Amino acid sequence: MRLASSPVRSLCAATAGAMLALCSLSAHAAFASDITLKLVAPGGINNGSSIDPAPVSAQQTVALADLVNGVQAGDGGAIGSGWMLDGEKVFFEDDSIKLRIGVGNDTTGGVYTTGYLGLGINDHALYQFDGLSIVGKTIVGVSLYAWDGFGTTGTDSGLGNPAVLGSLAHFIDGDTVTFDLDTLEIAKRIAGSSNNFAEFRIQLITRDNGTGPGNELPEPATLALFAVAALGARVARRRA
């Protein structure tokens, strides 16, 4: 709506503009520091032809200026070049972590998995994100989405077992989040296991620093949103 020219209306317009600017800043929160990605697979790895039980442990730090590129296959880093498959990546944007995960094992009962192995229900293979911080905010939880394109809504998903979505991402503390790799399955949507991926968005839930007790959010917890439509396909780190 346009406002006719007048001192009062001009002031209102300026105020509204300032409020919109503040809202925009809030909506596009920015990370404040370098972030370290750790890959842990205590049970080793199943590459489709054999199981190597040697525990996997690697880490790679992403500089603040390079968060939008993050960790990618072939980037020369301990995880990017040491463990990621072609097309895989983890990057950081606004106040979210985005992951593209490929198929590492396509022989386990016809199910596509990452190939990373845990050791029992309480010792998962996982990605761990350390050093998370948002300018002017405190991180108090996470929400998880599994739509293609890393969105918070969508129609297509590469997650083959959507029932696990609520248990994949974990808020550990104000600067640490984990994402389980050993329990997810990847949907068979395209011929050839190497062509199939699942994309995830870990949305960090924050509150403004200095928020008073009366305005605090609920007790921090992992708030995983079941954001995937029912998927009929049952879907398994080896390239076809």
Protein backbone atom coordinates (compact mmCIF):
# COMPACT_ATOMS: atom_id res chain seq x y z
CA MET A 1 0.00 0.00 0.00
CA ARG A 2 1.32 3.44 -0.94
CA LEU A 3 1.26 6.29 1.59
CA ALA A 4 0.56 9.83 0.47
CA SER A 5 3.31 12.34 1.19
CA SER A 6 3.03 13.94 4.62
CA PRO A 7 5.37 14.29 7.61
CA VAL A 8 3.35 11.83 9.70
CA ARG A 9 2.95 9.30 6.93
CA SER A 10 6.58 9.61 5.97
CA LEU A 11 7.54 8.87 9.56
CA CYS A 12 5.22 5.86 9.57
CA ALA A 13 6.74 4.64 6.34
CA ALA A 14 10.26 5.05 7.73
CA THR A 15 9.29 3.20 10.90
CA ALA A 16 7.71 0.38 8.91
CA GLY A 17 10.82 0.19 6.75
CA ALA A 18 13.05 -0.05 9.79
CA MET A 19 10.86 -2.81 11.25
CA LEU A 20 10.99 -4.74 7.98
CA ALA A 21 14.77 -4.39 7.94
CA LEU A 22 15.00 -5.74 11.48
CA CYS A 23 12.72 -8.63 10.56
CA SER A 24 14.88 -9.34 7.56
CA LEU A 25 18.02 -9.44 9.69
CA SER A 26 16.32 -11.79 12.11
CA ALA A 27 15.11 -14.05 9.30
CA HIS A 28 18.59 -14.28 7.80
CA ALA A 29 20.70 -14.99 10.84
CA ALA A 30 24.39 -15.47 10.23
CA PHE A 31 26.88 -17.94 11.63
CA ALA A 32 29.51 -16.28 13.82
CA SER A 33 32.54 -18.60 13.73
CA ASP A 34 34.37 -21.48 12.07
CA ILE A 35 32.59 -24.84 12.33
CA THR A 36 34.20 -28.25 12.77
CA LEU A 37 32.60 -31.30 11.15
CA LYS A 38 33.43 -34.68 12.65
CA LEU A 39 32.68 -38.06 11.08
CA VAL A 40 32.46 -41.00 13.46
CA ALA A 41 31.57 -44.61 12.61
CA PRO A 42 32.43 -46.81 15.62
CA GLY A 43 31.46 -50.01 13.80
CA GLY A 44 33.51 -49.28 10.70
CA ILE A 45 32.10 -49.32 7.19
CA ASN A 46 30.29 -51.67 4.85
CA ASN A 47 31.23 -50.81 1.28
CA GLY A 48 28.94 -53.37 -0.29
CA SER A 49 31.54 -56.06 -0.89
CA SER A 50 33.07 -56.34 2.58
CA ILE A 51 32.92 -54.94 6.08
CA ASP A 52 35.91 -53.12 7.52
CA PRO A 53 35.32 -53.04 11.29
CA ALA A 54 38.05 -50.46 11.96
CA PRO A 55 36.39 -47.43 13.56
CA VAL A 56 36.17 -44.35 11.39
CA SER A 57 37.12 -40.99 12.90
CA ALA A 58 37.87 -37.85 10.91
CA GLN A 59 37.34 -34.14 11.25
CA GLN A 60 37.49 -31.08 9.05
CA THR A 61 37.15 -27.43 10.05
CA VAL A 62 35.36 -25.00 7.76
CA ALA A 63 36.40 -21.33 7.97
CA LEU A 64 33.68 -18.78 8.59
CA ALA A 65 34.22 -17.22 5.17
CA ASP A 66 33.78 -20.60 3.47
CA LEU A 67 30.72 -21.95 5.30
CA VAL A 68 28.49 -21.60 2.25
CA ASN A 69 30.76 -24.07 0.43
CA GLY A 70 31.28 -26.25 3.49
CA VAL A 71 32.69 -29.74 3.08
CA GLN A 72 32.36 -31.35 -0.34
CA ALA A 73 33.58 -34.50 -2.04
CA GLY A 74 37.08 -33.96 -3.44
CA ASP A 75 37.77 -30.73 -1.57
CA GLY A 76 41.13 -31.95 -0.24
CA GLY A 77 39.96 -32.22 3.37
CA ALA A 78 40.02 -35.21 5.69
CA ILE A 79 36.31 -35.83 5.26
CA GLY A 80 35.64 -34.31 1.84
CA SER A 81 38.39 -36.22 0.07
CA GLY A 82 38.81 -39.04 2.56
CA TRP A 83 35.24 -40.23 2.92
CA MET A 84 32.66 -38.37 0.84
CA LEU A 85 31.28 -39.86 -2.35
CA ASP A 86 30.83 -37.85 -5.54
CA GLY A 87 28.05 -35.32 -5.07
CA GLU A 88 28.00 -35.48 -1.29
CA LYS A 89 28.34 -32.25 0.69
CA VAL A 90 27.63 -30.52 3.97
CA PHE A 91 27.32 -26.74 4.06
CA PHE A 92 26.03 -23.95 6.26
CA GLU A 93 23.67 -21.16 5.31
CA ASP A 94 21.79 -18.53 7.34
CA ASP A 95 20.83 -20.54 10.46
CA SER A 96 20.71 -24.02 8.95
CA ILE A 97 22.96 -26.99 8.18
CA LYS A 98 22.36 -28.65 4.82
CA LEU A 99 23.45 -32.19 3.95
CA ARG A 100 23.45 -34.18 0.73
CA ILE A 101 24.10 -37.85 1.44
CA GLY A 102 24.70 -40.61 -1.08
CA VAL A 103 24.57 -44.39 -1.20
CA GLY A 104 27.60 -46.18 0.22
CA ASN A 105 26.14 -49.68 0.37
CA ASP A 106 23.53 -51.05 -2.03
CA THR A 107 23.72 -54.75 -1.18
CA THR A 108 22.11 -55.05 2.25
CA GLY A 109 18.85 -56.78 1.42
CA GLY A 110 18.23 -54.45 -1.48
CA VAL A 111 18.24 -51.42 0.82
CA TYR A 112 20.35 -48.33 0.11
CA THR A 113 22.33 -47.08 3.12
CA THR A 114 25.30 -44.83 3.81
CA GLY A 115 27.52 -47.82 4.63
CA TYR A 116 28.64 -46.28 7.92
CA LEU A 117 28.19 -48.64 10.87
CA GLY A 118 27.41 -47.96 14.49
CA LEU A 119 27.82 -50.22 17.51
CA GLY A 120 24.39 -50.77 18.96
CA ILE A 121 21.51 -48.39 19.49
CA ASN A 122 23.45 -45.92 21.65
CA ASP A 123 26.68 -45.70 19.64
CA HIS A 124 25.72 -44.39 16.23
CA ALA A 125 27.74 -43.57 13.16
CA LEU A 126 27.22 -39.85 12.80
CA TYR A 127 28.23 -36.41 11.72
CA GLN A 128 28.96 -34.05 14.62
CA PHE A 129 28.93 -30.28 14.20
CA ASP A 130 30.98 -28.33 16.75
CA GLY A 131 31.45 -24.59 17.18
CA LEU A 132 27.96 -23.62 16.06
CA SER A 133 27.05 -20.04 16.92
CA ILE A 134 24.67 -17.49 15.45
CA VAL A 135 25.25 -13.74 15.66
CA GLY A 136 23.11 -12.30 18.48
CA LYS A 137 21.37 -15.62 19.14
CA THR A 138 21.48 -18.64 21.43
CA ILE A 139 20.83 -22.03 19.84
CA VAL A 140 18.21 -23.95 21.84
CA GLY A 141 17.14 -26.82 19.57
CA VAL A 142 16.82 -28.19 16.05
CA SER A 143 14.18 -29.10 13.51
CA LEU A 144 14.90 -31.56 10.70
CA TYR A 145 13.51 -31.64 7.16
CA ALA A 146 14.20 -34.14 4.38
CA TRP A 147 12.82 -32.47 1.25
CA ASP A 148 14.71 -32.30 -2.03
CA GLY A 149 16.36 -28.87 -2.41
CA PHE A 150 16.94 -28.51 1.37
CA GLY A 151 13.60 -26.76 1.86
CA THR A 152 11.26 -26.72 4.84
CA THR A 153 8.43 -27.81 2.56
CA GLY A 154 8.34 -29.87 -0.59
CA THR A 155 6.85 -32.78 -2.48
CA ASP A 156 9.81 -35.11 -3.06
CA SER A 157 12.27 -36.73 -0.68
CA GLY A 158 15.22 -39.09 -0.96
CA LEU A 159 14.71 -40.48 2.54
CA GLY A 160 13.67 -44.10 2.15
CA ASN A 161 12.52 -44.73 5.72
CA PRO A 162 10.71 -41.54 6.79
CA ALA A 163 9.74 -43.06 10.13
CA VAL A 164 13.29 -42.43 11.41
CA LEU A 165 13.27 -38.72 10.61
CA GLY A 166 12.37 -37.77 14.15
CA SER A 167 15.42 -39.58 15.56
CA LEU A 168 18.22 -38.53 13.19
CA ALA A 169 19.19 -35.03 14.41
CA HIS A 170 20.18 -34.36 18.02
CA PHE A 171 20.69 -31.08 19.87
CA ILE A 172 23.59 -31.79 22.24
CA ASP A 173 24.22 -28.30 23.64
CA GLY A 174 24.36 -24.67 22.54
CA ASP A 175 27.15 -25.23 20.02
CA THR A 176 26.94 -28.93 19.13
CA VAL A 177 24.50 -30.91 16.98
CA THR A 178 24.76 -34.48 15.67
CA PHE A 179 23.16 -36.32 12.74
CA ASP A 180 22.94 -40.12 12.66
CA LEU A 181 24.22 -41.86 9.52
CA ASP A 182 23.72 -45.53 10.31
CA THR A 183 19.94 -45.66 10.61
CA LEU A 184 18.80 -43.77 7.53
CA GLU A 185 17.92 -45.38 4.23
CA ILE A 186 18.03 -43.71 0.83
CA ALA A 187 15.17 -44.14 -1.59
CA LYS A 188 15.67 -45.91 -4.91
CA ARG A 189 14.43 -43.26 -7.30
CA ILE A 190 16.87 -43.43 -10.23
CA ALA A 191 18.61 -46.37 -11.87
CA GLY A 192 22.07 -46.91 -10.39
CA SER A 193 22.80 -46.46 -6.71
CA SER A 194 25.32 -43.70 -7.41
CA ASN A 195 22.52 -41.52 -8.77
CA ASN A 196 20.47 -41.57 -5.59
CA PHE A 197 20.77 -39.05 -2.76
CA ALA A 198 18.88 -37.76 0.22
CA GLU A 199 18.97 -34.08 1.16
CA PHE A 200 18.43 -32.79 4.68
CA ARG A 201 18.07 -29.41 6.35
CA ILE A 202 18.86 -29.11 10.04
CA GLN A 203 17.18 -25.88 11.07
CA LEU A 204 18.68 -24.36 14.20
CA ILE A 205 16.10 -23.03 16.64
CA THR A 206 17.33 -19.87 18.33
CA ARG A 207 16.31 -17.16 20.74
CA ASP A 208 17.66 -13.65 20.97
CA ASN A 209 20.50 -13.16 23.43
CA GLY A 210 19.30 -11.36 26.54
CA THR A 211 15.74 -12.65 26.30
CA GLY A 212 14.05 -12.35 29.69
CA PRO A 213 12.72 -15.34 31.65
CA GLY A 214 9.16 -14.51 30.71
CA ASN A 215 9.91 -14.83 27.01
CA GLU A 216 12.10 -17.90 26.96
CA LEU A 217 11.37 -20.77 24.61
CA PRO A 218 10.48 -24.21 25.99
CA GLU A 219 13.20 -26.37 27.47
CA PRO A 220 15.79 -27.10 24.74
CA ALA A 221 15.18 -30.35 22.98
CA THR A 222 15.53 -31.96 19.60
CA LEU A 223 12.45 -30.79 17.72
CA ALA A 224 12.45 -33.04 14.69
CA LEU A 225 9.58 -32.30 12.34
CA PHE A 226 8.17 -35.17 10.33
CA ALA A 227 8.31 -33.21 7.10
CA VAL A 228 8.19 -36.06 4.61
CA ALA A 229 5.04 -37.34 2.94
CA ALA A 230 4.36 -41.06 3.11
CA LEU A 231 6.82 -42.83 0.87
CA GLY A 232 6.01 -46.34 -0.21
CA ALA A 233 9.44 -47.39 -1.40
CA ARG A 234 11.72 -49.23 0.99
CA VAL A 235 15.09 -48.13 0.12
CA ALA A 236 21.10 -48.79 1.17
CA ARG A 237 28.56 -46.68 0.40
CA ARG A 238 29.34 -48.39 -2.90
CA ARG A 239 28.88 -46.80 -6.30
CA ALA A 240 27.01 -48.76 -8.98
